[in-house]
C-alpha atoms as a PDB file:
ATOM      1  CA  UNK A   1     184.176  39.505  70.811  1.00  0.00           C
ATOM      2  CA  UNK A   2     182.455  39.624  67.273  1.00  0.00           C
ATOM      3  CA  UNK A   3     183.514  37.165  65.003  1.00  0.00           C
ATOM      4  CA  UNK A   4     185.755  39.492  62.829  1.00  0.00           C
ATOM      5  CA  UNK A   5     187.689  39.995  66.082  1.00  0.00           C
ATOM      6  CA  UNK A   6     188.068  36.360  66.204  1.00  0.00           C
ATOM      7  CA  UNK A   7     189.329  36.267  62.723  1.00  0.00           C
ATOM      8  CA  UNK A   8     192.043  38.642  63.175  1.00  0.00           C
ATOM      9  CA  UNK A   9     192.996  36.955  66.051  1.00  0.00           C
ATOM     10  CA  UNK A  10     193.395  33.496  64.211  1.00  0.00           C
ATOM     11  CA  UNK A  11     196.287  32.201  62.197  1.00  0.00           C
ATOM     12  CA  UNK A  12     196.860  31.958  58.205  1.00  0.00           C
ATOM     13  CA  UNK A  13     197.133  28.174  56.987  1.00  0.00           C
ATOM     14  CA  UNK A  14     200.592  28.514  56.515  1.00  0.00           C
ATOM     15  CA  UNK A  15     201.361  29.485  59.955  1.00  0.00           C
ATOM     16  CA  UNK A  16     198.929  26.560  61.204  1.00  0.00           C
ATOM     17  CA  UNK A  17     200.764  24.170  59.286  1.00  0.00           C
ATOM     18  CA  UNK A  18     204.501  25.564  60.036  1.00  0.00           C
ATOM     19  CA  UNK A  19     203.929  25.019  64.188  1.00  0.00           C
ATOM     20  CA  UNK A  20     201.832  21.762  63.396  1.00  0.00           C
ATOM     21  CA  UNK A  21     203.592  18.931  65.616  1.00  0.00           C
ATOM     22  CA  UNK A  22     201.113  16.281  65.036  1.00  0.00           C
ATOM     23  CA  UNK A  23     199.330  14.489  62.105  1.00  0.00           C
ATOM     24  CA  UNK A  24     201.719  17.372  59.305  1.00  0.00           C
ATOM     25  CA  UNK A  25     202.201  14.745  57.313  1.00  0.00           C
ATOM     26  CA  UNK A  26     198.550  13.216  56.868  1.00  0.00           C
ATOM     27  CA  UNK A  27     197.079  16.454  56.884  1.00  0.00           C
ATOM     28  CA  UNK A  28     200.006  17.718  53.753  1.00  0.00           C
ATOM     29  CA  UNK A  29     199.149  14.165  51.999  1.00  0.00           C
ATOM     30  CA  UNK A  30     195.355  14.969  51.707  1.00  0.00           C
ATOM     31  CA  UNK A  31     195.871  18.252  50.551  1.00  0.00           C
ATOM     32  CA  UNK A  32     198.577  17.774  47.550  1.00  0.00           C
ATOM     33  CA  UNK A  33     196.287  14.372  46.736  1.00  0.00           C
ATOM     34  CA  UNK A  34     193.031  15.606  46.663  1.00  0.00           C
ATOM     35  CA  UNK A  35     190.990  16.147  43.907  1.00  0.00           C
ATOM     36  CA  UNK A  36     187.328  18.176  42.601  1.00  0.00           C
ATOM     37  CA  UNK A  37     184.337  16.874  40.586  1.00  0.00           C
ATOM     38  CA  UNK A  38     184.154  19.598  38.161  1.00  0.00           C
ATOM     39  CA  UNK A  39     180.565  20.509  39.963  1.00  0.00           C
ATOM     40  CA  UNK A  40     182.116  21.297  42.304  1.00  0.00           C
ATOM     41  CA  UNK A  41     184.430  23.321  40.947  1.00  0.00           C
ATOM     42  CA  UNK A  42     181.749  25.337  39.585  1.00  0.00           C
ATOM     43  CA  UNK A  43     179.748  25.495  42.535  1.00  0.00           C
ATOM     44  CA  UNK A  44     182.707  26.336  44.811  1.00  0.00           C
ATOM     45  CA  UNK A  45     184.123  29.242  42.395  1.00  0.00           C
ATOM     46  CA  UNK A  46     180.357  30.962  41.886  1.00  0.00           C
ATOM     47  CA  UNK A  47     181.103  31.928  45.536  1.00  0.00           C
ATOM     48  CA  UNK A  48     183.845  34.740  45.092  1.00  0.00           C
ATOM     49  CA  UNK A  49     181.626  37.145  45.036  1.00  0.00           C
ATOM     50  CA  UNK A  50     180.104  37.121  48.294  1.00  0.00           C
ATOM     51  CA  UNK A  51     183.076  38.115  50.354  1.00  0.00           C
ATOM     52  CA  UNK A  52     183.636  34.637  52.911  1.00  0.00           C
ATOM     53  CA  UNK A  53     186.051  34.620  55.510  1.00  0.00           C
ATOM     54  CA  UNK A  54     185.999  31.385  57.729  1.00  0.00           C
ATOM     55  CA  UNK A  55     187.171  30.420  61.404  1.00  0.00           C
ATOM     56  CA  UNK A  56     188.553  27.517  62.114  1.00  0.00           C
ATOM     57  CA  UNK A  57     188.496  26.178  65.435  1.00  0.00           C
ATOM     58  CA  UNK A  58     191.269  23.180  65.468  1.00  0.00           C
ATOM     59  CA  UNK A  59     194.100  21.348  66.711  1.00  0.00           C
ATOM     60  CA  UNK A  60     196.596  19.224  65.416  1.00  0.00           C
ATOM     61  CA  UNK A  61     196.203  16.324  67.177  1.00  0.00           C
ATOM     62  CA  UNK A  62     192.473  15.434  65.581  1.00  0.00           C
ATOM     63  CA  UNK A  63     192.676  13.753  62.761  1.00  0.00           C
ATOM     64  CA  UNK A  64     189.397  14.692  61.573  1.00  0.00           C
ATOM     65  CA  UNK A  65     191.047  18.077  61.589  1.00  0.00           C
ATOM     66  CA  UNK A  66     193.840  16.457  59.311  1.00  0.00           C
ATOM     67  CA  UNK A  67     191.022  15.158  57.001  1.00  0.00           C
ATOM     68  CA  UNK A  68     189.126  18.646  56.910  1.00  0.00           C
ATOM     69  CA  UNK A  69     191.533  21.351  57.264  1.00  0.00           C
ATOM     70  CA  UNK A  70     193.204  20.744  53.766  1.00  0.00           C
ATOM     71  CA  UNK A  71     190.066  20.248  51.686  1.00  0.00           C
ATOM     72  CA  UNK A  72     188.243  23.026  53.163  1.00  0.00           C
ATOM     73  CA  UNK A  73     192.065  25.330  52.916  1.00  0.00           C
ATOM     74  CA  UNK A  74     191.570  23.639  48.702  1.00  0.00           C
ATOM     75  CA  UNK A  75     187.970  24.889  48.830  1.00  0.00           C
ATOM     76  CA  UNK A  76     189.091  28.440  50.219  1.00  0.00           C
ATOM     77  CA  UNK A  77     191.167  28.315  47.431  1.00  0.00           C
ATOM     78  CA  UNK A  78     188.697  28.047  44.989  1.00  0.00           C
ATOM     79  CA  UNK A  79     186.170  30.661  46.558  1.00  0.00           C
ATOM     80  CA  UNK A  80     190.099  33.227  47.117  1.00  0.00           C
ATOM     81  CA  UNK A  81     189.627  33.679  50.206  1.00  0.00           C
ATOM     82  CA  UNK A  82     191.248  33.186  53.827  1.00  0.00           C
ATOM     83  CA  UNK A  83     190.656  30.895  56.346  1.00  0.00           C
ATOM     84  CA  UNK A  84     192.038  31.457  60.251  1.00  0.00           C
ATOM     85  CA  UNK A  85     192.874  29.124  62.280  1.00  0.00           C
ATOM     86  CA  UNK A  86     192.431  29.132  66.025  1.00  0.00           C
ATOM     87  CA  UNK A  87     193.658  26.370  68.928  1.00  0.00           C
ATOM     88  CA  UNK A  88     190.526  25.048  70.145  1.00  0.00           C
ATOM     89  CA  UNK A  89     192.198  24.708  73.654  1.00  0.00           C
ATOM     90  CA  UNK A  90     193.787  28.263  73.488  1.00  0.00           C
ATOM     91  CA  UNK A  91     189.943  29.649  72.311  1.00  0.00           C
ATOM     92  CA  UNK A  92     187.355  27.835  74.747  1.00  0.00           C
ATOM     93  CA  UNK A  93     185.266  31.058  74.820  1.00  0.00           C
ATOM     94  CA  UNK A  94     184.369  30.956  71.152  1.00  0.00           C
ATOM     95  CA  UNK A  95     184.454  27.014  70.652  1.00  0.00           C
ATOM     96  CA  UNK A  96     181.353  27.011  73.770  1.00  0.00           C
ATOM     97  CA  UNK A  97     179.692  28.538  71.370  1.00  0.00           C
ATOM     98  CA  UNK A  98     179.596  25.671  69.179  1.00  0.00           C
ATOM     99  CA  UNK A  99     179.775  22.951  70.728  1.00  0.00           C
ATOM    100  CA  UNK A 100     178.431  19.225  69.067  1.00  0.00           C
ATOM    101  CA  UNK A 101     175.612  18.215  70.272  1.00  0.00           C
ATOM    102  CA  UNK A 102     175.373  21.258  72.569  1.00  0.00           C
ATOM    103  CA  UNK A 103     178.042  19.205  75.169  1.00  0.00           C
ATOM    104  CA  UNK A 104     181.220  17.953  72.717  1.00  0.00           C
ATOM    105  CA  UNK A 105     183.917  20.085  71.791  1.00  0.00           C
ATOM    106  CA  UNK A 106     184.258  18.354  68.312  1.00  0.00           C
ATOM    107  CA  UNK A 107     186.478  19.553  66.245  1.00  0.00           C
ATOM    108  CA  UNK A 108     187.637  20.500  63.751  1.00  0.00           C
ATOM    109  CA  UNK A 109     184.885  23.576  63.198  1.00  0.00           C
ATOM    110  CA  UNK A 110     184.157  26.031  60.163  1.00  0.00           C
ATOM    111  CA  UNK A 111     182.402  29.489  60.800  1.00  0.00           C
ATOM    112  CA  UNK A 112     182.003  30.964  57.382  1.00  0.00           C
ATOM    113  CA  UNK A 113     181.101  34.560  58.027  1.00  0.00           C
ATOM    114  CA  UNK A 114     180.709  37.400  55.301  1.00  0.00           C
ATOM    115  CA  UNK A 115     183.040  40.398  55.430  1.00  0.00           C
ATOM    116  CA  UNK A 116     181.046  42.107  58.077  1.00  0.00           C
ATOM    117  CA  UNK A 117     181.664  39.322  60.440  1.00  0.00           C
ATOM    118  CA  UNK A 118     178.018  38.039  60.173  1.00  0.00           C
ATOM    119  CA  UNK A 119     178.012  33.964  60.664  1.00  0.00           C
ATOM    120  CA  UNK A 120     176.381  32.707  57.321  1.00  0.00           C
ATOM    121  CA  UNK A 121     177.089  29.312  58.146  1.00  0.00           C
ATOM    122  CA  UNK A 122     179.098  26.379  60.287  1.00  0.00           C
ATOM    123  CA  UNK A 123     180.633  23.089  59.155  1.00  0.00           C
ATOM    124  CA  UNK A 124     181.751  20.241  61.483  1.00  0.00           C
ATOM    125  CA  UNK A 125     183.327  18.429  62.654  1.00  0.00           C
ATOM    126  CA  UNK A 126     182.812  15.282  60.294  1.00  0.00           C
ATOM    127  CA  UNK A 127     180.940  14.390  57.055  1.00  0.00           C
ATOM    128  CA  UNK A 128     177.999  12.034  57.818  1.00  0.00           C
ATOM    129  CA  UNK A 129     179.402   9.153  56.096  1.00  0.00           C
ATOM    130  CA  UNK A 130     182.529   9.456  58.270  1.00  0.00           C
ATOM    131  CA  UNK A 131     180.046  10.111  61.842  1.00  0.00           C
ATOM    132  CA  UNK A 132     178.883   6.488  60.560  1.00  0.00           C
ATOM    133  CA  UNK A 133     182.193   4.716  59.535  1.00  0.00           C
ATOM    134  CA  UNK A 134     183.369   6.248  63.277  1.00  0.00           C
ATOM    135  CA  UNK A 135     179.986   5.017  64.986  1.00  0.00           C
ATOM    136  CA  UNK A 136     180.483   1.752  63.610  1.00  0.00           C
ATOM    137  CA  UNK A 137     184.676   1.133  64.375  1.00  0.00           C
ATOM    138  CA  UNK A 138     183.297   2.126  67.872  1.00  0.00           C
ATOM    139  CA  UNK A 139     180.486  -0.277  68.139  1.00  0.00           C
ATOM    140  CA  UNK A 140     182.953  -3.370  67.569  1.00  0.00           C
ATOM    141  CA  UNK A 141     185.317  -2.254  70.338  1.00  0.00           C
ATOM    142  CA  UNK A 142     184.985  -4.340  73.429  1.00  0.00           C
ATOM    143  CA  UNK A 143     184.009  -2.910  76.850  1.00  0.00           C
ATOM    144  CA  UNK A 144     186.263   0.279  78.256  1.00  0.00           C
ATOM    145  CA  UNK A 145     186.968  -2.272  81.257  1.00  0.00           C
ATOM    146  CA  UNK A 146     187.603  -5.252  78.499  1.00  0.00           C
ATOM    147  CA  UNK A 147     191.780  -5.701  78.725  1.00  0.00           C
ATOM    148  CA  UNK A 148     192.001  -5.530  75.224  1.00  0.00           C
ATOM    149  CA  UNK A 149     190.340  -2.326  75.047  1.00  0.00           C
ATOM    150  CA  UNK A 150     193.202   0.398  74.722  1.00  0.00           C
ATOM    151  CA  UNK A 151     194.411  -2.065  71.935  1.00  0.00           C
ATOM    152  CA  UNK A 152     191.717  -2.818  70.191  1.00  0.00           C
ATOM    153  CA  UNK A 153     190.587   1.274  70.199  1.00  0.00           C
ATOM    154  CA  UNK A 154     194.334   2.131  69.429  1.00  0.00           C
ATOM    155  CA  UNK A 155     194.115  -0.446  66.338  1.00  0.00           C
ATOM    156  CA  UNK A 156     190.512   1.446  65.320  1.00  0.00           C
ATOM    157  CA  UNK A 157     192.358   4.832  65.339  1.00  0.00           C
ATOM    158  CA  UNK A 158     195.379   3.744  63.386  1.00  0.00           C
ATOM    159  CA  UNK A 159     192.844   2.191  60.308  1.00  0.00           C
ATOM    160  CA  UNK A 160     191.104   5.757  60.757  1.00  0.00           C
ATOM    161  CA  UNK A 161     194.401   7.818  60.053  1.00  0.00           C
ATOM    162  CA  UNK A 162     194.943   5.594  57.324  1.00  0.00           C
ATOM    163  CA  UNK A 163     192.027   5.371  55.887  1.00  0.00           C
ATOM    164  CA  UNK A 164     191.495   9.646  55.685  1.00  0.00           C
ATOM    165  CA  UNK A 165     194.814   9.901  54.573  1.00  0.00           C
ATOM    166  CA  UNK A 166     194.402   7.167  51.447  1.00  0.00           C
ATOM    167  CA  UNK A 167     190.524   7.614  50.266  1.00  0.00           C
ATOM    168  CA  UNK A 168     189.781   9.372  47.695  1.00  0.00           C
ATOM    169  CA  UNK A 169     185.726   8.298  48.863  1.00  0.00           C
ATOM    170  CA  UNK A 170     185.867   9.903  52.272  1.00  0.00           C
ATOM    171  CA  UNK A 171     187.108  13.115  51.143  1.00  0.00           C
ATOM    172  CA  UNK A 172     184.328  13.127  48.649  1.00  0.00           C
ATOM    173  CA  UNK A 173     182.201  12.901  51.059  1.00  0.00           C
ATOM    174  CA  UNK A 174     183.716  15.899  53.304  1.00  0.00           C
ATOM    175  CA  UNK A 175     183.081  18.362  50.049  1.00  0.00           C
ATOM    176  CA  UNK A 176     179.942  16.979  48.863  1.00  0.00           C
ATOM    177  CA  UNK A 177     178.220  17.398  52.958  1.00  0.00           C
ATOM    178  CA  UNK A 178     180.661  21.093  53.083  1.00  0.00           C
ATOM    179  CA  UNK A 179     179.110  21.862  49.789  1.00  0.00           C
ATOM    180  CA  UNK A 180     175.237  20.830  50.803  1.00  0.00           C
ATOM    181  CA  UNK A 181     175.842  22.648  54.132  1.00  0.00           C
ATOM    182  CA  UNK A 182     176.687  26.112  52.127  1.00  0.00           C
ATOM    183  CA  UNK A 183     174.025  25.505  49.517  1.00  0.00           C
ATOM    184  CA  UNK A 184     171.290  25.112  52.184  1.00  0.00           C
ATOM    185  CA  UNK A 185     172.604  27.767  55.070  1.00  0.00           C
ATOM    186  CA  UNK A 186     173.608  30.626  52.334  1.00  0.00           C
ATOM    187  CA  UNK A 187     170.414  30.586  49.839  1.00  0.00           C
ATOM    188  CA  UNK A 188     168.276  31.363  53.086  1.00  0.00           C
END
């Protein structure tokens, strides 16, 4: 199936948000509060003439998706392009073409194409700063067979959720990394 066919199969942002059962409040909180530095606005708006479109592999239970989707939606609004959303587990044929480290079905994955459906760039699932923080937090967890592992892991995920919903530094790390990927891949 071509990327344009996948794109046409996807939900709009409004449809995706309306169908969310998990993390909707977090996603909407970020969408309402994220701001962009003027240099980022300048960069993203100059992409308007590239006729881009974005296929997003996601699921509403994913904390990384709750963080990244509203930011990418705001970028799409700056560029005047449309995002389309496909639920990961319902679209494994596509997901398995975009595995993280060749093995993991990590989401969200944003596939940026031109109007002809040619892949131009791929971004996801996390900025390096968010990955570093998650890796550090996981390293502090007890062994998986420890009695308090599940409780500590649950606490870690709750802290992650609070941080991604409220920390503009995290939001800027996502904006900056998306911009860097686009600068590197769209200019080649």
